[in-house]
Amino acid sequence: MPTKFKKDGIEFIRGERGTKPKQVVKKYFIKNTPKAELIQYVNDQKSQPKRRVKCLNELTRRGVKLDWFTEGEMKAKMELANG
């Protein structure tokens, strides 16, 4: 089974007038997750280590190269970029 990014959810789809809404199970596979969301999860302080590694593996599979910087290095780069 493919890797999941988060738990499955239930989505309700409205039908025509007078009918009940249908329940559809929404599956969150990591291969369908946008790249920006994966990078944001990797950078988050509260991310779970197991899911963080899953995101890093998926980004590697997609061919994304990540550059790692400390907070001080990032601040220095931002100051140079802003002038």
PDB file of N, CA and C in Angstrom:
ATOM      1  N   MET A   1       0.839  -1.172   0.000  1.00  0.00           N
ATOM      2  CA  MET A   1       0.000   0.000   0.000  1.00  0.00           C
ATOM      3  C   MET A   1       0.891   1.245   0.000  1.00  0.00           C
ATOM      4  N   PRO A   2       0.505   2.275  -0.728  1.00  0.00           N
ATOM      5  CA  PRO A   2       1.293   3.503  -0.771  1.00  0.00           C
ATOM      6  C   PRO A   2       1.366   4.194   0.591  1.00  0.00           C
ATOM      7  N   THR A   3       2.364   5.034   0.747  1.00  0.00           N
ATOM      8  CA  THR A   3       2.588   5.753   1.993  1.00  0.00           C
ATOM      9  C   THR A   3       1.538   6.848   2.165  1.00  0.00           C
ATOM     10  N   LYS A   4       1.017   6.957   3.381  1.00  0.00           N
ATOM     11  CA  LYS A   4       0.024   7.985   3.683  1.00  0.00           C
ATOM     12  C   LYS A   4       0.706   9.178   4.324  1.00  0.00           C
ATOM     13  N   PHE A   5       0.195  10.380   4.038  1.00  0.00           N
ATOM     14  CA  PHE A   5       0.718  11.588   4.666  1.00  0.00           C
ATOM     15  C   PHE A   5      -0.009  11.853   5.980  1.00  0.00           C
ATOM     16  N   LYS A   6      -1.313  11.655   5.981  1.00  0.00           N
ATOM     17  CA  LYS A   6      -2.107  11.793   7.193  1.00  0.00           C
ATOM     18  C   LYS A   6      -3.293  10.842   7.112  1.00  0.00           C
ATOM     19  N   LYS A   7      -4.076  10.773   8.178  1.00  0.00           N
ATOM     20  CA  LYS A   7      -5.192   9.831   8.240  1.00  0.00           C
ATOM     21  C   LYS A   7      -6.259  10.163   7.199  1.00  0.00           C
ATOM     22  N   ASP A   8      -7.007   9.131   6.800  1.00  0.00           N
ATOM     23  CA  ASP A   8      -8.107   9.329   5.866  1.00  0.00           C
ATOM     24  C   ASP A   8      -9.183  10.197   6.490  1.00  0.00           C
ATOM     25  N   GLY A   9      -9.883  10.920   5.663  1.00  0.00           N
ATOM     26  CA  GLY A   9     -10.965  11.776   6.134  1.00  0.00           C
ATOM     27  C   GLY A   9     -12.247  11.488   5.383  1.00  0.00           C
ATOM     28  N   ILE A  10     -13.356  11.961   5.911  1.00  0.00           N
ATOM     29  CA  ILE A  10     -14.648  11.783   5.260  1.00  0.00           C
ATOM     30  C   ILE A  10     -15.078  13.125   4.696  1.00  0.00           C
ATOM     31  N   GLU A  11     -15.486  13.115   3.441  1.00  0.00           N
ATOM     32  CA  GLU A  11     -15.925  14.319   2.758  1.00  0.00           C
ATOM     33  C   GLU A  11     -17.390  14.127   2.388  1.00  0.00           C
ATOM     34  N   PHE A  12     -18.203  15.129   2.592  1.00  0.00           N
ATOM     35  CA  PHE A  12     -19.610  15.050   2.247  1.00  0.00           C
ATOM     36  C   PHE A  12     -19.839  15.804   0.948  1.00  0.00           C
ATOM     37  N   ILE A  13     -20.494  15.137  -0.009  1.00  0.00           N
ATOM     38  CA  ILE A  13     -20.793  15.743  -1.301  1.00  0.00           C
ATOM     39  C   ILE A  13     -22.305  15.917  -1.377  1.00  0.00           C
ATOM     40  N   ARG A  14     -22.732  17.143  -1.635  1.00  0.00           N
ATOM     41  CA  ARG A  14     -24.164  17.414  -1.725  1.00  0.00           C
ATOM     42  C   ARG A  14     -24.733  16.819  -2.991  1.00  0.00           C
ATOM     43  N   GLY A  15     -25.886  16.228  -2.845  1.00  0.00           N
ATOM     44  CA  GLY A  15     -26.584  15.684  -4.000  1.00  0.00           C
ATOM     45  C   GLY A  15     -27.586  16.689  -4.537  1.00  0.00           C
ATOM     46  N   GLU A  16     -28.507  16.189  -5.333  1.00  0.00           N
ATOM     47  CA  GLU A  16     -29.555  17.058  -5.853  1.00  0.00           C
ATOM     48  C   GLU A  16     -30.524  17.406  -4.736  1.00  0.00           C
ATOM     49  N   ARG A  17     -31.440  18.244  -5.026  1.00  0.00           N
ATOM     50  CA  ARG A  17     -32.391  18.697  -4.030  1.00  0.00           C
ATOM     51  C   ARG A  17     -33.227  17.521  -3.523  1.00  0.00           C
ATOM     52  N   GLY A  18     -33.308  17.408  -2.194  1.00  0.00           N
ATOM     53  CA  GLY A  18     -34.129  16.356  -1.612  1.00  0.00           C
ATOM     54  C   GLY A  18     -33.399  15.045  -1.382  1.00  0.00           C
ATOM     55  N   THR A  19     -32.125  14.966  -1.685  1.00  0.00           N
ATOM     56  CA  THR A  19     -31.381  13.734  -1.450  1.00  0.00           C
ATOM     57  C   THR A  19     -30.361  13.963  -0.345  1.00  0.00           C
ATOM     58  N   LYS A  20     -29.949  12.877   0.249  1.00  0.00           N
ATOM     59  CA  LYS A  20     -28.956  12.956   1.317  1.00  0.00           C
ATOM     60  C   LYS A  20     -27.574  13.235   0.741  1.00  0.00           C
ATOM     61  N   PRO A  21     -26.728  13.926   1.500  1.00  0.00           N
ATOM     62  CA  PRO A  21     -25.343  14.086   1.041  1.00  0.00           C
ATOM     63  C   PRO A  21     -24.619  12.739   1.095  1.00  0.00           C
ATOM     64  N   LYS A  22     -23.749  12.509   0.143  1.00  0.00           N
ATOM     65  CA  LYS A  22     -23.001  11.253   0.080  1.00  0.00           C
ATOM     66  C   LYS A  22     -21.693  11.407   0.842  1.00  0.00           C
ATOM     67  N   GLN A  23     -21.303  10.332   1.514  1.00  0.00           N
ATOM     68  CA  GLN A  23     -20.018  10.316   2.209  1.00  0.00           C
ATOM     69  C   GLN A  23     -18.982   9.693   1.288  1.00  0.00           C
ATOM     70  N   VAL A  24     -17.879  10.386   1.113  1.00  0.00           N
ATOM     71  CA  VAL A  24     -16.779   9.889   0.299  1.00  0.00           C
ATOM     72  C   VAL A  24     -15.526   9.889   1.171  1.00  0.00           C
ATOM     73  N   VAL A  25     -14.800   8.773   1.172  1.00  0.00           N
ATOM     74  CA  VAL A  25     -13.566   8.691   1.952  1.00  0.00           C
ATOM     75  C   VAL A  25     -12.462   9.362   1.154  1.00  0.00           C
ATOM     76  N   LYS A  26     -11.829  10.360   1.757  1.00  0.00           N
ATOM     77  CA  LYS A  26     -10.729  11.094   1.134  1.00  0.00           C
ATOM     78  C   LYS A  26      -9.420  10.515   1.655  1.00  0.00           C
ATOM     79  N   LYS A  27      -8.578  10.028   0.765  1.00  0.00           N
ATOM     80  CA  LYS A  27      -7.313   9.420   1.146  1.00  0.00           C
ATOM     81  C   LYS A  27      -6.180  10.414   0.877  1.00  0.00           C
ATOM     82  N   TYR A  28      -5.279  10.532   1.842  1.00  0.00           N
ATOM     83  CA  TYR A  28      -4.186  11.490   1.752  1.00  0.00           C
ATOM     84  C   TYR A  28      -2.870  10.738   1.557  1.00  0.00           C
ATOM     85  N   PHE A  29      -2.559  10.395   0.320  1.00  0.00           N
ATOM     86  CA  PHE A  29      -1.303   9.732   0.007  1.00  0.00           C
ATOM     87  C   PHE A  29      -0.205  10.778  -0.130  1.00  0.00           C
ATOM     88  N   ILE A  30       1.010  10.394   0.260  1.00  0.00           N
ATOM     89  CA  ILE A  30       2.118  11.349   0.251  1.00  0.00           C
ATOM     90  C   ILE A  30       2.516  11.724  -1.181  1.00  0.00           C
ATOM     91  N   LYS A  31       2.273  10.832  -2.130  1.00  0.00           N
ATOM     92  CA  LYS A  31       2.653  11.138  -3.514  1.00  0.00           C
ATOM     93  C   LYS A  31       1.737  12.189  -4.145  1.00  0.00           C
ATOM     94  N   ASN A  32       0.548  12.419  -3.557  1.00  0.00           N
ATOM     95  CA  ASN A  32      -0.373  13.429  -4.067  1.00  0.00           C
ATOM     96  C   ASN A  32      -0.269  14.754  -3.325  1.00  0.00           C
ATOM     97  N   THR A  33       0.575  14.817  -2.312  1.00  0.00           N
ATOM     98  CA  THR A  33       0.725  16.024  -1.508  1.00  0.00           C
ATOM     99  C   THR A  33       1.615  17.028  -2.247  1.00  0.00           C
ATOM    100  N   PRO A  34       1.230  18.290  -2.284  1.00  0.00           N
ATOM    101  CA  PRO A  34       2.057  19.294  -2.973  1.00  0.00           C
ATOM    102  C   PRO A  34       3.438  19.449  -2.333  1.00  0.00           C
ATOM    103  N   LYS A  35       4.407  19.806  -3.159  1.00  0.00           N
ATOM    104  CA  LYS A  35       5.788  19.955  -2.715  1.00  0.00           C
ATOM    105  C   LYS A  35       5.922  21.018  -1.629  1.00  0.00           C
ATOM    106  N   ALA A  36       5.207  22.112  -1.763  1.00  0.00           N
ATOM    107  CA  ALA A  36       5.284  23.189  -0.781  1.00  0.00           C
ATOM    108  C   ALA A  36       4.811  22.723   0.596  1.00  0.00           C
ATOM    109  N   GLU A  37       3.774  21.884   0.621  1.00  0.00           N
ATOM    110  CA  GLU A  37       3.264  21.384   1.897  1.00  0.00           C
ATOM    111  C   GLU A  37       4.269  20.431   2.549  1.00  0.00           C
ATOM    112  N   LEU A  38       4.958  19.628   1.752  1.00  0.00           N
ATOM    113  CA  LEU A  38       5.971  18.722   2.286  1.00  0.00           C
ATOM    114  C   LEU A  38       7.147  19.503   2.874  1.00  0.00           C
ATOM    115  N   ILE A  39       7.607  20.522   2.174  1.00  0.00           N
ATOM    116  CA  ILE A  39       8.734  21.331   2.651  1.00  0.00           C
ATOM    117  C   ILE A  39       8.338  22.082   3.917  1.00  0.00           C
ATOM    118  N   GLN A  40       7.105  22.590   3.957  1.00  0.00           N
ATOM    119  CA  GLN A  40       6.628  23.287   5.150  1.00  0.00           C
ATOM    120  C   GLN A  40       6.589  22.338   6.338  1.00  0.00           C
ATOM    121  N   TYR A  41       6.173  21.085   6.122  1.00  0.00           N
ATOM    122  CA  TYR A  41       6.115  20.118   7.219  1.00  0.00           C
ATOM    123  C   TYR A  41       7.518  19.771   7.716  1.00  0.00           C
ATOM    124  N   VAL A  42       8.482  19.651   6.802  1.00  0.00           N
ATOM    125  CA  VAL A  42       9.855  19.334   7.194  1.00  0.00           C
ATOM    126  C   VAL A  42      10.439  20.458   8.044  1.00  0.00           C
ATOM    127  N   ASN A  43      10.121  21.710   7.727  1.00  0.00           N
ATOM    128  CA  ASN A  43      10.664  22.858   8.452  1.00  0.00           C
ATOM    129  C   ASN A  43       9.936  23.151   9.761  1.00  0.00           C
ATOM    130  N   ASP A  44       8.778  22.548   9.978  1.00  0.00           N
ATOM    131  CA  ASP A  44       7.992  22.818  11.181  1.00  0.00           C
ATOM    132  C   ASP A  44       8.668  22.236  12.417  1.00  0.00           C
ATOM    133  N   GLN A  45       8.648  22.979  13.509  1.00  0.00           N
ATOM    134  CA  GLN A  45       9.262  22.537  14.762  1.00  0.00           C
ATOM    135  C   GLN A  45       8.491  21.392  15.401  1.00  0.00           C
ATOM    136  N   LYS A  46       7.181  21.342  15.216  1.00  0.00           N
ATOM    137  CA  LYS A  46       6.333  20.358  15.874  1.00  0.00           C
ATOM    138  C   LYS A  46       6.118  19.093  15.045  1.00  0.00           C
ATOM    139  N   SER A  47       6.822  18.930  13.941  1.00  0.00           N
ATOM    140  CA  SER A  47       6.607  17.768  13.081  1.00  0.00           C
ATOM    141  C   SER A  47       7.107  16.488  13.746  1.00  0.00           C
ATOM    142  N   GLN A  48       6.378  15.402  13.500  1.00  0.00           N
ATOM    143  CA  GLN A  48       6.765  14.105  14.044  1.00  0.00           C
ATOM    144  C   GLN A  48       7.957  13.574  13.263  1.00  0.00           C
ATOM    145  N   PRO A  49       8.944  12.999  13.945  1.00  0.00           N
ATOM    146  CA  PRO A  49      10.142  12.533  13.254  1.00  0.00           C
ATOM    147  C   PRO A  49       9.859  11.477  12.181  1.00  0.00           C
ATOM    148  N   LYS A  50       8.944  10.557  12.469  1.00  0.00           N
ATOM    149  CA  LYS A  50       8.645   9.497  11.504  1.00  0.00           C
ATOM    150  C   LYS A  50       8.029  10.079  10.227  1.00  0.00           C
ATOM    151  N   ARG A  51       7.081  10.988  10.376  1.00  0.00           N
ATOM    152  CA  ARG A  51       6.433  11.590   9.215  1.00  0.00           C
ATOM    153  C   ARG A  51       7.386  12.545   8.502  1.00  0.00           C
ATOM    154  N   ARG A  52       8.279  13.174   9.253  1.00  0.00           N
ATOM    155  CA  ARG A  52       9.281  14.071   8.668  1.00  0.00           C
ATOM    156  C   ARG A  52      10.206  13.299   7.730  1.00  0.00           C
ATOM    157  N   VAL A  53      10.623  12.094   8.156  1.00  0.00           N
ATOM    158  CA  VAL A  53      11.481  11.256   7.314  1.00  0.00           C
ATOM    159  C   VAL A  53      10.729  10.808   6.062  1.00  0.00           C
ATOM    160  N   LYS A  54       9.435  10.519   6.200  1.00  0.00           N
ATOM    161  CA  LYS A  54       8.621  10.158   5.039  1.00  0.00           C
ATOM    162  C   LYS A  54       8.600  11.302   4.024  1.00  0.00           C
ATOM    163  N   CYS A  55       8.465  12.533   4.529  1.00  0.00           N
ATOM    164  CA  CYS A  55       8.447  13.699   3.640  1.00  0.00           C
ATOM    165  C   CYS A  55       9.798  13.891   2.949  1.00  0.00           C
ATOM    166  N   LEU A  56      10.880  13.707   3.700  1.00  0.00           N
ATOM    167  CA  LEU A  56      12.214  13.843   3.109  1.00  0.00           C
ATOM    168  C   LEU A  56      12.441  12.782   2.037  1.00  0.00           C
ATOM    169  N   ASN A  57      11.985  11.552   2.289  1.00  0.00           N
ATOM    170  CA  ASN A  57      12.129  10.487   1.291  1.00  0.00           C
ATOM    171  C   ASN A  57      11.321  10.796   0.038  1.00  0.00           C
ATOM    172  N   GLU A  58      10.129  11.347   0.206  1.00  0.00           N
ATOM    173  CA  GLU A  58       9.298  11.689  -0.947  1.00  0.00           C
ATOM    174  C   GLU A  58       9.926  12.827  -1.750  1.00  0.00           C
ATOM    175  N   LEU A  59      10.478  13.824  -1.074  1.00  0.00           N
ATOM    176  CA  LEU A  59      11.137  14.918  -1.788  1.00  0.00           C
ATOM    177  C   LEU A  59      12.362  14.415  -2.544  1.00  0.00           C
ATOM    178  N   THR A  60      13.094  13.474  -1.963  1.00  0.00           N
ATOM    179  CA  THR A  60      14.241  12.880  -2.643  1.00  0.00           C
ATOM    180  C   THR A  60      13.779  12.107  -3.872  1.00  0.00           C
ATOM    181  N   ARG A  61      12.675  11.378  -3.729  1.00  0.00           N
ATOM    182  CA  ARG A  61      12.138  10.618  -4.858  1.00  0.00           C
ATOM    183  C   ARG A  61      11.737  11.535  -6.006  1.00  0.00           C
ATOM    184  N   ARG A  62      11.232  12.722  -5.669  1.00  0.00           N
ATOM    185  CA  ARG A  62      10.830  13.689  -6.692  1.00  0.00           C
ATOM    186  C   ARG A  62      12.011  14.452  -7.287  1.00  0.00           C
ATOM    187  N   GLY A  63      13.186  14.299  -6.708  1.00  0.00           N
ATOM    188  CA  GLY A  63      14.369  14.957  -7.243  1.00  0.00           C
ATOM    189  C   GLY A  63      14.595  16.349  -6.699  1.00  0.00           C
ATOM    190  N   VAL A  64      14.024  16.657  -5.555  1.00  0.00           N
ATOM    191  CA  VAL A  64      14.193  17.976  -4.937  1.00  0.00           C
ATOM    192  C   VAL A  64      15.460  17.953  -4.094  1.00  0.00           C
ATOM    193  N   LYS A  65      16.340  18.944  -4.296  1.00  0.00           N
ATOM    194  CA  LYS A  65      17.569  19.036  -3.526  1.00  0.00           C
ATOM    195  C   LYS A  65      17.372  20.104  -2.460  1.00  0.00           C
ATOM    196  N   LEU A  66      17.587  19.718  -1.208  1.00  0.00           N
ATOM    197  CA  LEU A  66      17.398  20.639  -0.097  1.00  0.00           C
ATOM    198  C   LEU A  66      18.744  21.132   0.413  1.00  0.00           C
ATOM    199  N   ASP A  67      18.832  22.435   0.714  1.00  0.00           N
ATOM    200  CA  ASP A  67      20.010  23.028   1.332  1.00  0.00           C
ATOM    201  C   ASP A  67      19.655  23.340   2.776  1.00  0.00           C
ATOM    202  N   TRP A  68      20.477  22.845   3.709  1.00  0.00           N
ATOM    203  CA  TRP A  68      20.203  23.018   5.124  1.00  0.00           C
ATOM    204  C   TRP A  68      21.008  24.191   5.669  1.00  0.00           C
ATOM    205  N   PHE A  69      20.325  25.120   6.374  1.00  0.00           N
ATOM    206  CA  PHE A  69      20.947  26.286   6.979  1.00  0.00           C
ATOM    207  C   PHE A  69      20.475  26.416   8.416  1.00  0.00           C
ATOM    208  N   THR A  70      21.334  26.992   9.269  1.00  0.00           N
ATOM    209  CA  THR A  70      20.908  27.331  10.627  1.00  0.00           C
ATOM    210  C   THR A  70      20.129  28.639  10.573  1.00  0.00           C
ATOM    211  N   GLU A  71      19.483  28.988  11.688  1.00  0.00           N
ATOM    212  CA  GLU A  71      18.693  30.220  11.711  1.00  0.00           C
ATOM    213  C   GLU A  71      19.579  31.452  11.513  1.00  0.00           C
ATOM    214  N   GLY A  72      20.785  31.439  12.074  1.00  0.00           N
ATOM    215  CA  GLY A  72      21.702  32.559  11.908  1.00  0.00           C
ATOM    216  C   GLY A  72      22.130  32.735  10.454  1.00  0.00           C
ATOM    217  N   GLU A  73      22.397  31.627   9.789  1.00  0.00           N
ATOM    218  CA  GLU A  73      22.769  31.702   8.370  1.00  0.00           C
ATOM    219  C   GLU A  73      21.614  32.221   7.531  1.00  0.00           C
ATOM    220  N   MET A  74      20.398  31.793   7.864  1.00  0.00           N
ATOM    221  CA  MET A  74      19.228  32.260   7.101  1.00  0.00           C
ATOM    222  C   MET A  74      19.022  33.759   7.285  1.00  0.00           C
ATOM    223  N   LYS A  75      19.179  34.259   8.517  1.00  0.00           N
ATOM    224  CA  LYS A  75      19.032  35.691   8.768  1.00  0.00           C
ATOM    225  C   LYS A  75      20.070  36.478   8.002  1.00  0.00           C
ATOM    226  N   ALA A  76      21.317  35.976   7.970  1.00  0.00           N
ATOM    227  CA  ALA A  76      22.386  36.668   7.233  1.00  0.00           C
ATOM    228  C   ALA A  76      22.080  36.693   5.737  1.00  0.00           C
ATOM    229  N   LYS A  77      21.558  35.582   5.200  1.00  0.00           N
ATOM    230  CA  LYS A  77      21.222  35.540   3.772  1.00  0.00           C
ATOM    231  C   LYS A  77      20.078  36.486   3.450  1.00  0.00           C
ATOM    232  N   MET A  78      19.093  36.580   4.357  1.00  0.00           N
ATOM    233  CA  MET A  78      17.965  37.464   4.138  1.00  0.00           C
ATOM    234  C   MET A  78      18.401  38.933   4.170  1.00  0.00           C
ATOM    235  N   GLU A  79      19.334  39.266   5.067  1.00  0.00           N
ATOM    236  CA  GLU A  79      19.838  40.636   5.138  1.00  0.00           C
ATOM    237  C   GLU A  79      20.611  41.000   3.874  1.00  0.00           C
ATOM    238  N   LEU A  80      21.399  40.066   3.364  1.00  0.00           N
ATOM    239  CA  LEU A  80      22.130  40.328   2.123  1.00  0.00           C
ATOM    240  C   LEU A  80      21.182  40.482   0.940  1.00  0.00           C
ATOM    241  N   ALA A  81      20.122  39.700   0.910  1.00  0.00           N
ATOM    242  CA  ALA A  81      19.174  39.763  -0.192  1.00  0.00           C
ATOM    243  C   ALA A  81      18.378  41.070  -0.149  1.00  0.00           C
ATOM    244  N   ASN A  82      18.065  41.549   1.060  1.00  0.00           N
ATOM    245  CA  ASN A  82      17.271  42.777   1.179  1.00  0.00           C
ATOM    246  C   ASN A  82      18.124  44.035   1.020  1.00  0.00           C
ATOM    247  N   GLY A  83      19.423  43.880   1.104  1.00  0.00           N
ATOM    248  CA  GLY A  83      20.309  45.013   0.855  1.00  0.00           C
ATOM    249  C   GLY A  83      20.733  45.641   2.094  1.00  0.00           C
TER     250      GLY A  83
END
